[in-house]
Amino acid sequence: MLQVSRLATIGEMAAGVAHELNQPLTAIANYAQACDRLLARPAANLEDIHTALREIAAQAVRAGDILRRLRSLARSQPMRRERADINAVIEEILDLLTADARAHRGMLKFEPAPALPPVSIDSVQLQHVIVNLVRNGLEAQADSASETRELCVRTGLCTGGEVEIAICDNGPGLSPQALERLFDPFFSTKPEGTGLGLAISNTVVRAHDGSLVHQPNQPRGACFYIRLPSEPAAA
């Protein structure tokens, strides 16, 4: 079910991913055309050509990184927990999240807290949870009358020492009926939803000895909080 949810989520992100890939591909085409024009001149400036070729290489690496992150999210493997910096884990998928937000005509902000202690996680599984929660927030905003669609992902440290990831939107929020069945498998408020996203996200977070909780956002919207036990500092 986790693998099915992953592949379904990636399929739903297709528009945003296509846009994100189109940017480096367009840049590659433009720089290649510039090289062709420069080489056609009687006294071609080799430094300008070298600059354009370096940009082509950089944009190709950027496109490759996007595809690598997609493959990583889609990969099926047993849970493998390792010490990780949660801010770095989120930054790995930030391009994909930002592209998905643009596809939903929204804006995503990332507010990382500095100097957080490490956590013991399977990075790919936690990234899938974050992607699911971000997509839920973006889709909720699509039904909102708000002209400014904003979603914020921020990290912090709880008073009990847990590392927290908050995903907050400014959509319409959740109804009392939805709150009663929030993490029930196959329950969804979306007409075409599978009802697996939140249920699997909750299962994954609990398997990491953490918790996933919801609170209303102020003045409107919803906030989901992932709380994970922190690891002691390395000796």
C-alpha atoms as a PDB file:
ATOM      1  CA  MET A   1       0.000   0.000   0.000  1.00  0.00           C
ATOM      2  CA  LEU A   2       2.908   2.347   0.710  1.00  0.00           C
ATOM      3  CA  GLN A   3       4.318   1.704  -2.766  1.00  0.00           C
ATOM      4  CA  VAL A   4       0.920   2.227  -4.413  1.00  0.00           C
ATOM      5  CA  SER A   5       0.523   5.498  -2.513  1.00  0.00           C
ATOM      6  CA  ARG A   6       3.988   6.642  -3.576  1.00  0.00           C
ATOM      7  CA  LEU A   7       3.371   5.971  -7.265  1.00  0.00           C
ATOM      8  CA  ALA A   8      -0.075   7.568  -7.139  1.00  0.00           C
ATOM      9  CA  THR A   9       1.378  10.693  -5.521  1.00  0.00           C
ATOM     10  CA  ILE A  10       4.123  10.980  -8.137  1.00  0.00           C
ATOM     11  CA  GLY A  11       1.513  10.589 -10.881  1.00  0.00           C
ATOM     12  CA  GLU A  12      -0.557  13.379  -9.349  1.00  0.00           C
ATOM     13  CA  MET A  13       2.538  15.605  -9.284  1.00  0.00           C
ATOM     14  CA  ALA A  14       3.095  15.138 -13.035  1.00  0.00           C
ATOM     15  CA  ALA A  15       2.136  18.699 -14.006  1.00  0.00           C
ATOM     16  CA  GLY A  16       4.502  20.278 -11.502  1.00  0.00           C
ATOM     17  CA  VAL A  17       7.330  17.893 -12.336  1.00  0.00           C
ATOM     18  CA  ALA A  18       6.904  18.513 -16.072  1.00  0.00           C
ATOM     19  CA  HIS A  19       7.132  22.267 -15.467  1.00  0.00           C
ATOM     20  CA  GLU A  20      10.231  21.820 -13.296  1.00  0.00           C
ATOM     21  CA  LEU A  21      11.945  19.723 -15.990  1.00  0.00           C
ATOM     22  CA  ASN A  22      10.906  22.098 -18.760  1.00  0.00           C
ATOM     23  CA  GLN A  23      12.939  24.959 -17.297  1.00  0.00           C
ATOM     24  CA  PRO A  24      16.407  23.326 -17.510  1.00  0.00           C
ATOM     25  CA  LEU A  25      15.542  21.711 -20.859  1.00  0.00           C
ATOM     26  CA  THR A  26      14.534  25.093 -22.296  1.00  0.00           C
ATOM     27  CA  ALA A  27      17.748  26.622 -20.947  1.00  0.00           C
ATOM     28  CA  ILE A  28      19.811  23.829 -22.548  1.00  0.00           C
ATOM     29  CA  ALA A  29      18.138  24.451 -25.921  1.00  0.00           C
ATOM     30  CA  ASN A  30      18.695  28.214 -25.669  1.00  0.00           C
ATOM     31  CA  TYR A  31      22.384  27.891 -24.746  1.00  0.00           C
ATOM     32  CA  ALA A  32      22.922  25.307 -27.505  1.00  0.00           C
ATOM     33  CA  GLN A  33      21.419  27.724 -30.050  1.00  0.00           C
ATOM     34  CA  ALA A  34      23.657  30.479 -28.685  1.00  0.00           C
ATOM     35  CA  CYS A  35      26.711  28.244 -29.185  1.00  0.00           C
ATOM     36  CA  ASP A  36      25.628  27.602 -32.768  1.00  0.00           C
ATOM     37  CA  ARG A  37      25.315  31.342 -33.456  1.00  0.00           C
ATOM     38  CA  LEU A  38      28.660  32.127 -31.800  1.00  0.00           C
ATOM     39  CA  LEU A  39      30.481  29.436 -33.761  1.00  0.00           C
ATOM     40  CA  ALA A  40      29.044  30.799 -37.017  1.00  0.00           C
ATOM     41  CA  ARG A  41      30.813  34.130 -36.507  1.00  0.00           C
ATOM     42  CA  PRO A  42      34.138  34.693 -38.302  1.00  0.00           C
ATOM     43  CA  ALA A  43      35.972  35.416 -35.044  1.00  0.00           C
ATOM     44  CA  ALA A  44      34.114  33.413 -32.444  1.00  0.00           C
ATOM     45  CA  ASN A  45      34.676  34.375 -28.804  1.00  0.00           C
ATOM     46  CA  LEU A  46      35.766  31.102 -27.205  1.00  0.00           C
ATOM     47  CA  GLU A  47      35.156  32.373 -23.671  1.00  0.00           C
ATOM     48  CA  ASP A  48      31.483  33.061 -24.475  1.00  0.00           C
ATOM     49  CA  ILE A  49      31.180  29.577 -25.947  1.00  0.00           C
ATOM     50  CA  HIS A  50      32.817  28.013 -22.884  1.00  0.00           C
ATOM     51  CA  THR A  51      30.385  29.929 -20.634  1.00  0.00           C
ATOM     52  CA  ALA A  52      27.400  28.669 -22.632  1.00  0.00           C
ATOM     53  CA  LEU A  53      28.699  25.084 -22.508  1.00  0.00           C
ATOM     54  CA  ARG A  54      29.157  25.303 -18.738  1.00  0.00           C
ATOM     55  CA  GLU A  55      25.563  26.492 -18.414  1.00  0.00           C
ATOM     56  CA  ILE A  56      24.389  23.557 -20.561  1.00  0.00           C
ATOM     57  CA  ALA A  57      26.234  21.149 -18.250  1.00  0.00           C
ATOM     58  CA  ALA A  58      24.794  22.823 -15.124  1.00  0.00           C
ATOM     59  CA  GLN A  59      21.219  22.684 -16.440  1.00  0.00           C
ATOM     60  CA  ALA A  60      21.653  19.029 -17.439  1.00  0.00           C
ATOM     61  CA  VAL A  61      22.783  18.244 -13.881  1.00  0.00           C
ATOM     62  CA  ARG A  62      19.738  20.124 -12.539  1.00  0.00           C
ATOM     63  CA  ALA A  63      17.367  18.054 -14.716  1.00  0.00           C
ATOM     64  CA  GLY A  64      19.151  14.880 -13.651  1.00  0.00           C
ATOM     65  CA  ASP A  65      18.766  15.824  -9.969  1.00  0.00           C
ATOM     66  CA  ILE A  66      15.002  16.252 -10.417  1.00  0.00           C
ATOM     67  CA  LEU A  67      14.735  12.775 -11.978  1.00  0.00           C
ATOM     68  CA  ARG A  68      16.952  11.288  -9.262  1.00  0.00           C
ATOM     69  CA  ARG A  69      14.671  12.658  -6.547  1.00  0.00           C
ATOM     70  CA  LEU A  70      11.636  11.212  -8.334  1.00  0.00           C
ATOM     71  CA  ARG A  71      13.268   7.781  -8.589  1.00  0.00           C
ATOM     72  CA  SER A  72      14.182   7.959  -4.927  1.00  0.00           C
ATOM     73  CA  LEU A  73      10.594   8.718  -3.920  1.00  0.00           C
ATOM     74  CA  ALA A  74       9.271   5.872  -6.099  1.00  0.00           C
ATOM     75  CA  ARG A  75      11.758   3.263  -4.930  1.00  0.00           C
ATOM     76  CA  SER A  76      10.356   0.329  -2.946  1.00  0.00           C
ATOM     77  CA  GLN A  77      12.626  -0.927  -0.178  1.00  0.00           C
ATOM     78  CA  PRO A  78      12.433  -2.054   3.455  1.00  0.00           C
ATOM     79  CA  MET A  79      12.640   0.636   6.105  1.00  0.00           C
ATOM     80  CA  ARG A  80      16.235   1.689   6.671  1.00  0.00           C
ATOM     81  CA  ARG A  81      16.647   4.229   9.436  1.00  0.00           C
ATOM     82  CA  GLU A  82      19.728   6.425   9.611  1.00  0.00           C
ATOM     83  CA  ARG A  83      20.711   9.564  11.491  1.00  0.00           C
ATOM     84  CA  ALA A  84      19.702  12.554   9.406  1.00  0.00           C
ATOM     85  CA  ASP A  85      19.328  16.327   9.475  1.00  0.00           C
ATOM     86  CA  ILE A  86      15.610  16.904   8.916  1.00  0.00           C
ATOM     87  CA  ASN A  87      16.230  20.275   7.220  1.00  0.00           C
ATOM     88  CA  ALA A  88      18.516  18.610   4.659  1.00  0.00           C
ATOM     89  CA  VAL A  89      15.931  15.863   4.082  1.00  0.00           C
ATOM     90  CA  ILE A  90      13.277  18.479   3.253  1.00  0.00           C
ATOM     91  CA  GLU A  91      15.649  20.526   1.081  1.00  0.00           C
ATOM     92  CA  GLU A  92      16.229  17.437  -1.106  1.00  0.00           C
ATOM     93  CA  ILE A  93      12.587  17.545  -2.256  1.00  0.00           C
ATOM     94  CA  LEU A  94      12.049  21.310  -2.028  1.00  0.00           C
ATOM     95  CA  ASP A  95      12.231  21.779  -5.816  1.00  0.00           C
ATOM     96  CA  LEU A  96       9.483  19.185  -6.313  1.00  0.00           C
ATOM     97  CA  LEU A  97       7.293  20.721  -3.597  1.00  0.00           C
ATOM     98  CA  THR A  98       7.770  24.218  -5.028  1.00  0.00           C
ATOM     99  CA  ALA A  99       6.914  23.011  -8.536  1.00  0.00           C
ATOM    100  CA  ASP A 100       3.770  21.302  -7.236  1.00  0.00           C
ATOM    101  CA  ALA A 101       2.755  24.517  -5.462  1.00  0.00           C
ATOM    102  CA  ARG A 102       3.185  26.498  -8.689  1.00  0.00           C
ATOM    103  CA  ALA A 103       1.061  23.932 -10.549  1.00  0.00           C
ATOM    104  CA  HIS A 104      -1.680  24.644  -7.967  1.00  0.00           C
ATOM    105  CA  ARG A 105      -1.158  28.427  -8.384  1.00  0.00           C
ATOM    106  CA  GLY A 106       0.112  28.638  -4.842  1.00  0.00           C
ATOM    107  CA  MET A 107       3.263  29.689  -3.014  1.00  0.00           C
ATOM    108  CA  LEU A 108       5.305  27.448  -0.736  1.00  0.00           C
ATOM    109  CA  LYS A 109       7.607  28.742   1.987  1.00  0.00           C
ATOM    110  CA  PHE A 110      10.222  26.713   3.859  1.00  0.00           C
ATOM    111  CA  GLU A 111      11.249  28.015   7.288  1.00  0.00           C
ATOM    112  CA  PRO A 112      13.962  25.754   8.761  1.00  0.00           C
ATOM    113  CA  ALA A 113      14.974  26.158  12.383  1.00  0.00           C
ATOM    114  CA  PRO A 114      18.761  26.244  12.854  1.00  0.00           C
ATOM    115  CA  ALA A 115      20.866  23.735  14.801  1.00  0.00           C
ATOM    116  CA  LEU A 116      18.237  20.999  15.171  1.00  0.00           C
ATOM    117  CA  PRO A 117      19.387  17.686  16.652  1.00  0.00           C
ATOM    118  CA  PRO A 118      19.522  14.709  14.257  1.00  0.00           C
ATOM    119  CA  VAL A 119      16.681  12.200  13.935  1.00  0.00           C
ATOM    120  CA  SER A 120      16.748   8.481  13.120  1.00  0.00           C
ATOM    121  CA  ILE A 121      14.584   8.085  10.015  1.00  0.00           C
ATOM    122  CA  ASP A 122      14.128   6.426   6.670  1.00  0.00           C
ATOM    123  CA  SER A 123      14.540   9.620   4.633  1.00  0.00           C
ATOM    124  CA  VAL A 124      12.574   8.408   1.607  1.00  0.00           C
ATOM    125  CA  GLN A 125       9.581   7.335   3.694  1.00  0.00           C
ATOM    126  CA  LEU A 126       9.536  10.636   5.604  1.00  0.00           C
ATOM    127  CA  GLN A 127       9.839  12.574   2.345  1.00  0.00           C
ATOM    128  CA  HIS A 128       6.805  10.700   1.047  1.00  0.00           C
ATOM    129  CA  VAL A 129       4.840  11.718   4.155  1.00  0.00           C
ATOM    130  CA  ILE A 130       5.845  15.366   3.698  1.00  0.00           C
ATOM    131  CA  VAL A 131       4.903  15.279  -0.002  1.00  0.00           C
ATOM    132  CA  ASN A 132       1.499  13.805   0.886  1.00  0.00           C
ATOM    133  CA  LEU A 133       0.773  16.459   3.506  1.00  0.00           C
ATOM    134  CA  VAL A 134       1.902  19.286   1.226  1.00  0.00           C
ATOM    135  CA  ARG A 135      -0.278  17.989  -1.626  1.00  0.00           C
ATOM    136  CA  ASN A 136      -3.280  17.718   0.719  1.00  0.00           C
ATOM    137  CA  GLY A 137      -2.779  21.340   1.735  1.00  0.00           C
ATOM    138  CA  LEU A 138      -2.443  22.512  -1.864  1.00  0.00           C
ATOM    139  CA  GLU A 139      -5.550  20.620  -2.953  1.00  0.00           C
ATOM    140  CA  ALA A 140      -7.508  21.999   0.005  1.00  0.00           C
ATOM    141  CA  GLN A 141      -6.545  25.516  -1.079  1.00  0.00           C
ATOM    142  CA  ALA A 142      -7.877  24.814  -4.579  1.00  0.00           C
ATOM    143  CA  ASP A 143     -11.366  24.743  -3.028  1.00  0.00           C
ATOM    144  CA  SER A 144     -10.741  27.922  -1.059  1.00  0.00           C
ATOM    145  CA  ALA A 145     -12.015  31.365  -1.972  1.00  0.00           C
ATOM    146  CA  SER A 146      -8.697  32.862  -0.888  1.00  0.00           C
ATOM    147  CA  GLU A 147      -6.856  34.623  -3.711  1.00  0.00           C
ATOM    148  CA  THR A 148      -3.474  34.090  -2.030  1.00  0.00           C
ATOM    149  CA  ARG A 149      -2.782  30.387  -1.700  1.00  0.00           C
ATOM    150  CA  GLU A 150       0.075  29.888   0.730  1.00  0.00           C
ATOM    151  CA  LEU A 151       1.550  26.813   2.340  1.00  0.00           C
ATOM    152  CA  CYS A 152       4.358  26.873   4.876  1.00  0.00           C
ATOM    153  CA  VAL A 153       6.697  24.041   5.839  1.00  0.00           C
ATOM    154  CA  ARG A 154       8.698  24.828   8.943  1.00  0.00           C
ATOM    155  CA  THR A 155      10.838  22.895  11.389  1.00  0.00           C
ATOM    156  CA  GLY A 156      11.448  23.389  15.074  1.00  0.00           C
ATOM    157  CA  LEU A 157      12.195  21.800  18.424  1.00  0.00           C
ATOM    158  CA  CYS A 158       9.410  20.918  20.862  1.00  0.00           C
ATOM    159  CA  THR A 159       9.740  21.506  24.593  1.00  0.00           C
ATOM    160  CA  GLY A 160      10.055  17.746  25.100  1.00  0.00           C
ATOM    161  CA  GLY A 161      13.059  17.591  22.781  1.00  0.00           C
ATOM    162  CA  GLU A 162      11.217  16.211  19.748  1.00  0.00           C
ATOM    163  CA  VAL A 163      11.992  17.547  16.291  1.00  0.00           C
ATOM    164  CA  GLU A 164       8.843  18.930  14.683  1.00  0.00           C
ATOM    165  CA  ILE A 165       7.848  19.465  11.051  1.00  0.00           C
ATOM    166  CA  ALA A 166       4.785  21.677  10.597  1.00  0.00           C
ATOM    167  CA  ILE A 167       2.867  21.830   7.301  1.00  0.00           C
ATOM    168  CA  CYS A 168       0.283  24.616   7.393  1.00  0.00           C
ATOM    169  CA  ASP A 169      -2.107  25.890   4.716  1.00  0.00           C
ATOM    170  CA  ASN A 170      -4.607  28.753   4.481  1.00  0.00           C
ATOM    171  CA  GLY A 171      -7.410  26.674   2.944  1.00  0.00           C
ATOM    172  CA  PRO A 172     -10.905  26.129   4.330  1.00  0.00           C
ATOM    173  CA  GLY A 173      -9.757  23.769   7.099  1.00  0.00           C
ATOM    174  CA  LEU A 174     -11.298  20.425   8.071  1.00  0.00           C
ATOM    175  CA  SER A 175     -14.908  19.789   9.020  1.00  0.00           C
ATOM    176  CA  PRO A 176     -15.803  18.104  12.343  1.00  0.00           C
ATOM    177  CA  GLN A 177     -16.947  15.037  10.374  1.00  0.00           C
ATOM    178  CA  ALA A 178     -13.568  14.778   8.612  1.00  0.00           C
ATOM    179  CA  LEU A 179     -11.679  15.170  11.893  1.00  0.00           C
ATOM    180  CA  GLU A 180     -13.475  12.150  13.378  1.00  0.00           C
ATOM    181  CA  ARG A 181     -12.130   9.871  10.618  1.00  0.00           C
ATOM    182  CA  LEU A 182      -8.952  11.729   9.727  1.00  0.00           C
ATOM    183  CA  PHE A 183      -6.580   8.748   9.729  1.00  0.00           C
ATOM    184  CA  ASP A 184      -9.081   6.034   8.770  1.00  0.00           C
ATOM    185  CA  PRO A 185      -8.008   4.013   5.706  1.00  0.00           C
ATOM    186  CA  PHE A 186     -10.106   4.660   2.571  1.00  0.00           C
ATOM    187  CA  PHE A 187     -11.751   7.763   4.038  1.00  0.00           C
ATOM    188  CA  SER A 188     -11.319  10.830   1.839  1.00  0.00           C
ATOM    189  CA  THR A 189     -12.962  14.219   1.476  1.00  0.00           C
ATOM    190  CA  LYS A 190     -11.820  14.399  -2.173  1.00  0.00           C
ATOM    191  CA  PRO A 191     -14.095  12.915  -4.861  1.00  0.00           C
ATOM    192  CA  GLU A 192     -11.217  11.050  -6.496  1.00  0.00           C
ATOM    193  CA  GLY A 193      -9.150  10.439  -3.367  1.00  0.00           C
ATOM    194  CA  THR A 194      -8.036   6.945  -2.369  1.00  0.00           C
ATOM    195  CA  GLY A 195      -8.199   7.657   1.349  1.00  0.00           C
ATOM    196  CA  LEU A 196      -4.728   6.141   1.806  1.00  0.00           C
ATOM    197  CA  GLY A 197      -2.513   9.228   2.056  1.00  0.00           C
ATOM    198  CA  LEU A 198      -3.132  10.255   5.676  1.00  0.00           C
ATOM    199  CA  ALA A 199      -3.592   6.686   6.894  1.00  0.00           C
ATOM    200  CA  ILE A 200      -0.241   5.586   5.454  1.00  0.00           C
ATOM    201  CA  SER A 201       1.458   8.814   6.576  1.00  0.00           C
ATOM    202  CA  ASN A 202       0.264   8.185  10.136  1.00  0.00           C
ATOM    203  CA  THR A 203       1.504   4.574   9.985  1.00  0.00           C
ATOM    204  CA  VAL A 204       4.937   5.640   8.689  1.00  0.00           C
ATOM    205  CA  VAL A 205       5.382   8.325  11.361  1.00  0.00           C
ATOM    206  CA  ARG A 206       4.337   5.924  14.138  1.00  0.00           C
ATOM    207  CA  ALA A 207       6.809   3.344  12.794  1.00  0.00           C
ATOM    208  CA  HIS A 208       9.463   6.017  13.420  1.00  0.00           C
ATOM    209  CA  ASP A 209       8.300   6.249  17.086  1.00  0.00           C
ATOM    210  CA  GLY A 210       6.784   9.627  16.311  1.00  0.00           C
ATOM    211  CA  SER A 211       3.337  11.182  16.079  1.00  0.00           C
ATOM    212  CA  LEU A 212       1.243  12.938  13.438  1.00  0.00           C
ATOM    213  CA  VAL A 213      -1.325  15.403  14.764  1.00  0.00           C
ATOM    214  CA  HIS A 214      -3.658  18.023  13.337  1.00  0.00           C
ATOM    215  CA  GLN A 215      -4.531  21.463  14.649  1.00  0.00           C
ATOM    216  CA  PRO A 216      -6.544  24.253  13.008  1.00  0.00           C
ATOM    217  CA  ASN A 217      -4.450  27.022  11.491  1.00  0.00           C
ATOM    218  CA  GLN A 218      -5.144  30.634  12.403  1.00  0.00           C
ATOM    219  CA  PRO A 219      -6.984  32.551  11.068  1.00  0.00           C
ATOM    220  CA  ARG A 220      -7.974  29.709   8.716  1.00  0.00           C
ATOM    221  CA  GLY A 221      -6.695  26.471   7.285  1.00  0.00           C
ATOM    222  CA  ALA A 222      -5.115  23.347   8.726  1.00  0.00           C
ATOM    223  CA  CYS A 223      -1.751  22.452  10.262  1.00  0.00           C
ATOM    224  CA  PHE A 224      -0.274  18.960  10.447  1.00  0.00           C
ATOM    225  CA  TYR A 225       2.612  18.328  12.810  1.00  0.00           C
ATOM    226  CA  ILE A 226       5.100  15.488  12.458  1.00  0.00           C
ATOM    227  CA  ARG A 227       6.966  14.994  15.739  1.00  0.00           C
ATOM    228  CA  LEU A 228       9.989  12.712  15.848  1.00  0.00           C
ATOM    229  CA  PRO A 229      12.248  11.747  18.750  1.00  0.00           C
ATOM    230  CA  SER A 230      15.645  13.386  18.473  1.00  0.00           C
ATOM    231  CA  GLU A 231      18.902  11.475  18.625  1.00  0.00           C
ATOM    232  CA  PRO A 232      21.612  12.217  21.201  1.00  0.00           C
ATOM    233  CA  ALA A 233      24.581  14.152  19.895  1.00  0.00           C
ATOM    234  CA  ALA A 234      27.367  12.000  18.491  1.00  0.00           C
ATOM    235  CA  ALA A 235      30.208  11.373  20.920  1.00  0.00           C
END
